[in-house]
Amino acid sequence: MQVNLCMAVFGDFPWKKVPEYVLPKIIGAWLEAIIVFANYFHAINIFEGQKGRRTGTSQDRLTFCYLCSSSRATVAA
């Protein structure tokens, strides 16, 4: 997705084709996330000890979302 946008910004890719490439990638990512969750939700419930229970604080979830979305995130060894 970033490559398509970058190429469009610098004129190597027509802007009218950007939605044709970006939207399927976003939809595909959502579908993949749904499939993975559907595949593992029983294991998640077993790990958490209760159906629908999710441990962790809101700060933990914010940190996780930031690390997943940040291109500069690194894992400390």
PDB file of N, CA and C in Angstrom:
ATOM      1  N   MET A   1       0.827  -1.184   0.000  1.00  0.00           N
ATOM      2  CA  MET A   1       0.000   0.000   0.000  1.00  0.00           C
ATOM      3  C   MET A   1       0.877   1.256   0.000  1.00  0.00           C
ATOM      4  N   GLN A   2       1.912   1.272   0.824  1.00  0.00           N
ATOM      5  CA  GLN A   2       2.781   2.439   0.890  1.00  0.00           C
ATOM      6  C   GLN A   2       3.517   2.636  -0.440  1.00  0.00           C
ATOM      7  N   VAL A   3       3.853   1.540  -1.083  1.00  0.00           N
ATOM      8  CA  VAL A   3       4.565   1.644  -2.356  1.00  0.00           C
ATOM      9  C   VAL A   3       3.663   2.297  -3.398  1.00  0.00           C
ATOM     10  N   ASN A   4       2.394   1.874  -3.451  1.00  0.00           N
ATOM     11  CA  ASN A   4       1.466   2.476  -4.406  1.00  0.00           C
ATOM     12  C   ASN A   4       1.294   3.968  -4.158  1.00  0.00           C
ATOM     13  N   LEU A   5       1.143   4.353  -2.896  1.00  0.00           N
ATOM     14  CA  LEU A   5       0.982   5.769  -2.576  1.00  0.00           C
ATOM     15  C   LEU A   5       2.245   6.559  -2.905  1.00  0.00           C
ATOM     16  N   CYS A   6       3.381   6.005  -2.577  1.00  0.00           N
ATOM     17  CA  CYS A   6       4.643   6.690  -2.861  1.00  0.00           C
ATOM     18  C   CYS A   6       4.844   6.861  -4.370  1.00  0.00           C
ATOM     19  N   MET A   7       4.549   5.795  -5.109  1.00  0.00           N
ATOM     20  CA  MET A   7       4.699   5.889  -6.568  1.00  0.00           C
ATOM     21  C   MET A   7       3.724   6.911  -7.150  1.00  0.00           C
ATOM     22  N   ALA A   8       2.516   6.989  -6.596  1.00  0.00           N
ATOM     23  CA  ALA A   8       1.550   7.976  -7.086  1.00  0.00           C
ATOM     24  C   ALA A   8       2.013   9.393  -6.767  1.00  0.00           C
ATOM     25  N   VAL A   9       2.580   9.582  -5.573  1.00  0.00           N
ATOM     26  CA  VAL A   9       3.063  10.911  -5.189  1.00  0.00           C
ATOM     27  C   VAL A   9       4.166  11.374  -6.126  1.00  0.00           C
ATOM     28  N   PHE A  10       5.070  10.476  -6.491  1.00  0.00           N
ATOM     29  CA  PHE A  10       6.201  10.847  -7.336  1.00  0.00           C
ATOM     30  C   PHE A  10       5.924  10.694  -8.822  1.00  0.00           C
ATOM     31  N   GLY A  11       4.684  10.376  -9.189  1.00  0.00           N
ATOM     32  CA  GLY A  11       4.269  10.403 -10.579  1.00  0.00           C
ATOM     33  C   GLY A  11       4.523   9.144 -11.380  1.00  0.00           C
ATOM     34  N   ASP A  12       4.918   8.051 -10.739  1.00  0.00           N
ATOM     35  CA  ASP A  12       5.169   6.817 -11.482  1.00  0.00           C
ATOM     36  C   ASP A  12       3.943   5.914 -11.550  1.00  0.00           C
ATOM     37  N   PHE A  13       2.869   6.330 -10.941  1.00  0.00           N
ATOM     38  CA  PHE A  13       1.675   5.499 -10.855  1.00  0.00           C
ATOM     39  C   PHE A  13       0.461   6.421 -10.918  1.00  0.00           C
ATOM     40  N   PRO A  14      -0.528   6.139 -11.748  1.00  0.00           N
ATOM     41  CA  PRO A  14      -1.693   7.040 -11.857  1.00  0.00           C
ATOM     42  C   PRO A  14      -2.566   7.002 -10.600  1.00  0.00           C
ATOM     43  N   TRP A  15      -2.976   8.183 -10.144  1.00  0.00           N
ATOM     44  CA  TRP A  15      -3.786   8.293  -8.929  1.00  0.00           C
ATOM     45  C   TRP A  15      -5.110   7.549  -9.047  1.00  0.00           C
ATOM     46  N   LYS A  16      -5.667   7.467 -10.251  1.00  0.00           N
ATOM     47  CA  LYS A  16      -6.959   6.801 -10.392  1.00  0.00           C
ATOM     48  C   LYS A  16      -6.870   5.297 -10.140  1.00  0.00           C
ATOM     49  N   LYS A  17      -5.666   4.729 -10.200  1.00  0.00           N
ATOM     50  CA  LYS A  17      -5.499   3.304  -9.914  1.00  0.00           C
ATOM     51  C   LYS A  17      -5.190   3.016  -8.442  1.00  0.00           C
ATOM     52  N   VAL A  18      -4.893   4.035  -7.658  1.00  0.00           N
ATOM     53  CA  VAL A  18      -4.537   3.826  -6.247  1.00  0.00           C
ATOM     54  C   VAL A  18      -5.662   3.125  -5.487  1.00  0.00           C
ATOM     55  N   PRO A  19      -6.935   3.575  -5.578  1.00  0.00           N
ATOM     56  CA  PRO A  19      -7.988   2.861  -4.840  1.00  0.00           C
ATOM     57  C   PRO A  19      -8.130   1.398  -5.257  1.00  0.00           C
ATOM     58  N   GLU A  20      -7.883   1.094  -6.534  1.00  0.00           N
ATOM     59  CA  GLU A  20      -7.972  -0.287  -7.014  1.00  0.00           C
ATOM     60  C   GLU A  20      -6.945  -1.192  -6.338  1.00  0.00           C
ATOM     61  N   TYR A  21      -5.848  -0.638  -5.915  1.00  0.00           N
ATOM     62  CA  TYR A  21      -4.806  -1.425  -5.263  1.00  0.00           C
ATOM     63  C   TYR A  21      -4.891  -1.346  -3.737  1.00  0.00           C
ATOM     64  N   VAL A  22      -5.263  -0.198  -3.208  1.00  0.00           N
ATOM     65  CA  VAL A  22      -5.254  -0.001  -1.757  1.00  0.00           C
ATOM     66  C   VAL A  22      -6.460  -0.663  -1.092  1.00  0.00           C
ATOM     67  N   LEU A  23      -7.655  -0.482  -1.620  1.00  0.00           N
ATOM     68  CA  LEU A  23      -8.849  -1.040  -0.989  1.00  0.00           C
ATOM     69  C   LEU A  23      -8.817  -2.563  -0.882  1.00  0.00           C
ATOM     70  N   PRO A  24      -8.445  -3.294  -1.916  1.00  0.00           N
ATOM     71  CA  PRO A  24      -8.365  -4.756  -1.749  1.00  0.00           C
ATOM     72  C   PRO A  24      -7.344  -5.181  -0.691  1.00  0.00           C
ATOM     73  N   LYS A  25      -6.260  -4.432  -0.547  1.00  0.00           N
ATOM     74  CA  LYS A  25      -5.277  -4.766   0.482  1.00  0.00           C
ATOM     75  C   LYS A  25      -5.854  -4.568   1.873  1.00  0.00           C
ATOM     76  N   ILE A  26      -6.600  -3.482   2.075  1.00  0.00           N
ATOM     77  CA  ILE A  26      -7.213  -3.223   3.378  1.00  0.00           C
ATOM     78  C   ILE A  26      -8.286  -4.269   3.680  1.00  0.00           C
ATOM     79  N   ILE A  27      -9.131  -4.551   2.702  1.00  0.00           N
ATOM     80  CA  ILE A  27     -10.171  -5.560   2.892  1.00  0.00           C
ATOM     81  C   ILE A  27      -9.553  -6.932   3.149  1.00  0.00           C
ATOM     82  N   GLY A  28      -8.504  -7.269   2.422  1.00  0.00           N
ATOM     83  CA  GLY A  28      -7.815  -8.539   2.628  1.00  0.00           C
ATOM     84  C   GLY A  28      -7.213  -8.650   4.015  1.00  0.00           C
ATOM     85  N   ALA A  29      -6.650  -7.567   4.520  1.00  0.00           N
ATOM     86  CA  ALA A  29      -6.079  -7.583   5.866  1.00  0.00           C
ATOM     87  C   ALA A  29      -7.162  -7.819   6.914  1.00  0.00           C
ATOM     88  N   TRP A  30      -8.315  -7.182   6.760  1.00  0.00           N
ATOM     89  CA  TRP A  30      -9.422  -7.403   7.699  1.00  0.00           C
ATOM     90  C   TRP A  30      -9.896  -8.852   7.631  1.00  0.00           C
ATOM     91  N   LEU A  31     -10.044  -9.382   6.420  1.00  0.00           N
ATOM     92  CA  LEU A  31     -10.495 -10.767   6.282  1.00  0.00           C
ATOM     93  C   LEU A  31      -9.489 -11.738   6.896  1.00  0.00           C
ATOM     94  N   GLU A  32      -8.212 -11.476   6.696  1.00  0.00           N
ATOM     95  CA  GLU A  32      -7.187 -12.325   7.303  1.00  0.00           C
ATOM     96  C   GLU A  32      -7.271 -12.283   8.818  1.00  0.00           C
ATOM     97  N   ALA A  33      -7.470 -11.101   9.385  1.00  0.00           N
ATOM     98  CA  ALA A  33      -7.583 -10.974  10.839  1.00  0.00           C
ATOM     99  C   ALA A  33      -8.809 -11.724  11.359  1.00  0.00           C
ATOM    100  N   ILE A  34      -9.906 -11.653  10.638  1.00  0.00           N
ATOM    101  CA  ILE A  34     -11.119 -12.368  11.048  1.00  0.00           C
ATOM    102  C   ILE A  34     -10.895 -13.870  10.993  1.00  0.00           C
ATOM    103  N   ILE A  35     -10.240 -14.346   9.947  1.00  0.00           N
ATOM    104  CA  ILE A  35      -9.968 -15.785   9.811  1.00  0.00           C
ATOM    105  C   ILE A  35      -9.048 -16.273  10.921  1.00  0.00           C
ATOM    106  N   VAL A  36      -8.011 -15.510  11.213  1.00  0.00           N
ATOM    107  CA  VAL A  36      -7.087 -15.901  12.292  1.00  0.00           C
ATOM    108  C   VAL A  36      -7.814 -15.919  13.631  1.00  0.00           C
ATOM    109  N   PHE A  37      -8.619 -14.909  13.908  1.00  0.00           N
ATOM    110  CA  PHE A  37      -9.362 -14.890  15.159  1.00  0.00           C
ATOM    111  C   PHE A  37     -10.336 -16.063  15.226  1.00  0.00           C
ATOM    112  N   ALA A  38     -11.040 -16.327  14.133  1.00  0.00           N
ATOM    113  CA  ALA A  38     -11.993 -17.445  14.116  1.00  0.00           C
ATOM    114  C   ALA A  38     -11.275 -18.771  14.341  1.00  0.00           C
ATOM    115  N   ASN A  39     -10.062 -18.879  13.858  1.00  0.00           N
ATOM    116  CA  ASN A  39      -9.292 -20.108  14.019  1.00  0.00           C
ATOM    117  C   ASN A  39      -8.794 -20.282  15.453  1.00  0.00           C
ATOM    118  N   TYR A  40      -8.481 -19.194  16.130  1.00  0.00           N
ATOM    119  CA  TYR A  40      -7.843 -19.276  17.441  1.00  0.00           C
ATOM    120  C   TYR A  40      -8.692 -18.810  18.615  1.00  0.00           C
ATOM    121  N   PHE A  41      -9.964 -18.447  18.410  1.00  0.00           N
ATOM    122  CA  PHE A  41     -10.699 -17.877  19.537  1.00  0.00           C
ATOM    123  C   PHE A  41     -10.920 -18.886  20.655  1.00  0.00           C
ATOM    124  N   HIS A  42     -11.018 -20.182  20.338  1.00  0.00           N
ATOM    125  CA  HIS A  42     -11.134 -21.182  21.399  1.00  0.00           C
ATOM    126  C   HIS A  42      -9.856 -21.217  22.238  1.00  0.00           C
ATOM    127  N   ALA A  43      -8.716 -21.178  21.582  1.00  0.00           N
ATOM    128  CA  ALA A  43      -7.441 -21.182  22.308  1.00  0.00           C
ATOM    129  C   ALA A  43      -7.273 -19.907  23.126  1.00  0.00           C
ATOM    130  N   ILE A  44      -7.733 -18.783  22.598  1.00  0.00           N
ATOM    131  CA  ILE A  44      -7.656 -17.520  23.340  1.00  0.00           C
ATOM    132  C   ILE A  44      -8.517 -17.609  24.596  1.00  0.00           C
ATOM    133  N   ASN A  45      -9.738 -18.148  24.467  1.00  0.00           N
ATOM    134  CA  ASN A  45     -10.614 -18.285  25.625  1.00  0.00           C
ATOM    135  C   ASN A  45     -10.025 -19.239  26.660  1.00  0.00           C
ATOM    136  N   ILE A  46      -9.402 -20.318  26.219  1.00  0.00           N
ATOM    137  CA  ILE A  46      -8.770 -21.249  27.155  1.00  0.00           C
ATOM    138  C   ILE A  46      -7.616 -20.555  27.869  1.00  0.00           C
ATOM    139  N   PHE A  47      -6.801 -19.829  27.134  1.00  0.00           N
ATOM    140  CA  PHE A  47      -5.666 -19.132  27.731  1.00  0.00           C
ATOM    141  C   PHE A  47      -6.137 -18.091  28.746  1.00  0.00           C
ATOM    142  N   GLU A  48      -7.188 -17.362  28.404  1.00  0.00           N
ATOM    143  CA  GLU A  48      -7.693 -16.312  29.296  1.00  0.00           C
ATOM    144  C   GLU A  48      -8.461 -16.897  30.475  1.00  0.00           C
ATOM    145  N   GLY A  49      -8.917 -18.153  30.378  1.00  0.00           N
ATOM    146  CA  GLY A  49      -9.600 -18.804  31.478  1.00  0.00           C
ATOM    147  C   GLY A  49     -11.100 -18.614  31.501  1.00  0.00           C
ATOM    148  N   GLN A  50     -11.637 -17.884  30.553  1.00  0.00           N
ATOM    149  CA  GLN A  50     -13.072 -17.597  30.552  1.00  0.00           C
ATOM    150  C   GLN A  50     -13.466 -17.083  29.179  1.00  0.00           C
ATOM    151  N   LYS A  51     -14.667 -17.423  28.755  1.00  0.00           N
ATOM    152  CA  LYS A  51     -15.157 -16.965  27.454  1.00  0.00           C
ATOM    153  C   LYS A  51     -15.343 -15.453  27.465  1.00  0.00           C
ATOM    154  N   GLY A  52     -14.789 -14.773  26.483  1.00  0.00           N
ATOM    155  CA  GLY A  52     -14.954 -13.329  26.341  1.00  0.00           C
ATOM    156  C   GLY A  52     -14.074 -12.484  27.234  1.00  0.00           C
ATOM    157  N   ARG A  53     -13.298 -13.103  28.097  1.00  0.00           N
ATOM    158  CA  ARG A  53     -12.427 -12.348  29.012  1.00  0.00           C
ATOM    159  C   ARG A  53     -11.113 -12.037  28.315  1.00  0.00           C
ATOM    160  N   ARG A  54     -10.658 -10.814  28.450  1.00  0.00           N
ATOM    161  CA  ARG A  54      -9.366 -10.419  27.883  1.00  0.00           C
ATOM    162  C   ARG A  54      -8.579  -9.708  28.967  1.00  0.00           C
ATOM    163  N   THR A  55      -7.417 -10.262  29.284  1.00  0.00           N
ATOM    164  CA  THR A  55      -6.588  -9.657  30.314  1.00  0.00           C
ATOM    165  C   THR A  55      -5.737  -8.547  29.716  1.00  0.00           C
ATOM    166  N   GLY A  56      -5.140  -7.791  30.569  1.00  0.00           N
ATOM    167  CA  GLY A  56      -4.307  -6.684  30.110  1.00  0.00           C
ATOM    168  C   GLY A  56      -5.010  -5.368  30.330  1.00  0.00           C
ATOM    169  N   THR A  57      -4.232  -4.338  30.453  1.00  0.00           N
ATOM    170  CA  THR A  57      -4.790  -3.005  30.659  1.00  0.00           C
ATOM    171  C   THR A  57      -4.985  -2.323  29.317  1.00  0.00           C
ATOM    172  N   SER A  58      -5.669  -1.221  29.330  1.00  0.00           N
ATOM    173  CA  SER A  58      -5.840  -0.471  28.087  1.00  0.00           C
ATOM    174  C   SER A  58      -4.500   0.050  27.588  1.00  0.00           C
ATOM    175  N   GLN A  59      -3.577   0.308  28.504  1.00  0.00           N
ATOM    176  CA  GLN A  59      -2.242   0.756  28.099  1.00  0.00           C
ATOM    177  C   GLN A  59      -1.514  -0.352  27.332  1.00  0.00           C
ATOM    178  N   ASP A  60      -1.699  -1.613  27.759  1.00  0.00           N
ATOM    179  CA  ASP A  60      -1.095  -2.732  27.038  1.00  0.00           C
ATOM    180  C   ASP A  60      -1.614  -2.794  25.615  1.00  0.00           C
ATOM    181  N   ARG A  61      -2.906  -2.616  25.441  1.00  0.00           N
ATOM    182  CA  ARG A  61      -3.487  -2.677  24.100  1.00  0.00           C
ATOM    183  C   ARG A  61      -3.002  -1.512  23.253  1.00  0.00           C
ATOM    184  N   LEU A  62      -2.887  -0.327  23.844  1.00  0.00           N
ATOM    185  CA  LEU A  62      -2.386   0.823  23.087  1.00  0.00           C
ATOM    186  C   LEU A  62      -0.943   0.603  22.654  1.00  0.00           C
ATOM    187  N   THR A  63      -0.134   0.030  23.544  1.00  0.00           N
ATOM    188  CA  THR A  63       1.256  -0.246  23.204  1.00  0.00           C
ATOM    189  C   THR A  63       1.335  -1.255  22.073  1.00  0.00           C
ATOM    190  N   PHE A  64       0.535  -2.313  22.152  1.00  0.00           N
ATOM    191  CA  PHE A  64       0.524  -3.325  21.104  1.00  0.00           C
ATOM    192  C   PHE A  64       0.127  -2.720  19.765  1.00  0.00           C
ATOM    193  N   CYS A  65      -0.922  -1.898  19.763  1.00  0.00           N
ATOM    194  CA  CYS A  65      -1.371  -1.269  18.516  1.00  0.00           C
ATOM    195  C   CYS A  65      -0.298  -0.343  17.962  1.00  0.00           C
ATOM    196  N   TYR A  66       0.376   0.389  18.843  1.00  0.00           N
ATOM    197  CA  TYR A  66       1.432   1.288  18.379  1.00  0.00           C
ATOM    198  C   TYR A  66       2.574   0.497  17.761  1.00  0.00           C
ATOM    199  N   LEU A  67       2.986  -0.585  18.407  1.00  0.00           N
ATOM    200  CA  LEU A  67       4.099  -1.375  17.889  1.00  0.00           C
ATOM    201  C   LEU A  67       3.751  -2.026  16.563  1.00  0.00           C
ATOM    202  N   CYS A  68       2.502  -2.441  16.404  1.00  0.00           N
ATOM    203  CA  CYS A  68       2.090  -3.066  15.144  1.00  0.00           C
ATOM    204  C   CYS A  68       2.013  -2.051  14.018  1.00  0.00           C
ATOM    205  N   SER A  69       1.675  -0.815  14.338  1.00  0.00           N
ATOM    206  CA  SER A  69       1.482   0.173  13.293  1.00  0.00           C
ATOM    207  C   SER A  69       2.732   1.014  13.026  1.00  0.00           C
ATOM    208  N   SER A  70       3.709   0.933  13.915  1.00  0.00           N
ATOM    209  CA  SER A  70       4.889   1.756  13.753  1.00  0.00           C
ATOM    210  C   SER A  70       5.922   1.068  12.875  1.00  0.00           C
ATOM    211  N   SER A  71       6.355   1.741  11.850  1.00  0.00           N
ATOM    212  CA  SER A  71       7.384   1.175  10.969  1.00  0.00           C
ATOM    213  C   SER A  71       8.747   1.248  11.601  1.00  0.00           C
ATOM    214  N   ARG A  72       8.876   2.021  12.688  1.00  0.00           N
ATOM    215  CA  ARG A  72      10.158   2.169  13.354  1.00  0.00           C
ATOM    216  C   ARG A  72      10.286   1.296  14.592  1.00  0.00           C
ATOM    217  N   ALA A  73       9.276   0.471  14.845  1.00  0.00           N
ATOM    218  CA  ALA A  73       9.297  -0.360  16.050  1.00  0.00           C
ATOM    219  C   ALA A  73      10.374  -1.434  15.945  1.00  0.00           C
ATOM    220  N   THR A  74      11.107  -1.599  17.004  1.00  0.00           N
ATOM    221  CA  THR A  74      12.116  -2.657  17.057  1.00  0.00           C
ATOM    222  C   THR A  74      11.902  -3.453  18.329  1.00  0.00           C
ATOM    223  N   VAL A  75      12.328  -4.680  18.282  1.00  0.00           N
ATOM    224  CA  VAL A  75      12.205  -5.542  19.450  1.00  0.00           C
ATOM    225  C   VAL A  75      13.546  -5.586  20.147  1.00  0.00           C
ATOM    226  N   ALA A  76      13.540  -5.260  21.439  1.00  0.00           N
ATOM    227  CA  ALA A  76      14.780  -5.280  22.205  1.00  0.00           C
ATOM    228  C   ALA A  76      15.145  -6.712  22.536  1.00  0.00           C
ATOM    229  N   ALA A  77      16.395  -7.051  22.353  1.00  0.00           N
ATOM    230  CA  ALA A  77      16.837  -8.420  22.624  1.00  0.00           C
ATOM    231  C   ALA A  77      17.215  -8.563  24.074  1.00  0.00           C
TER     232      ALA A  77
END
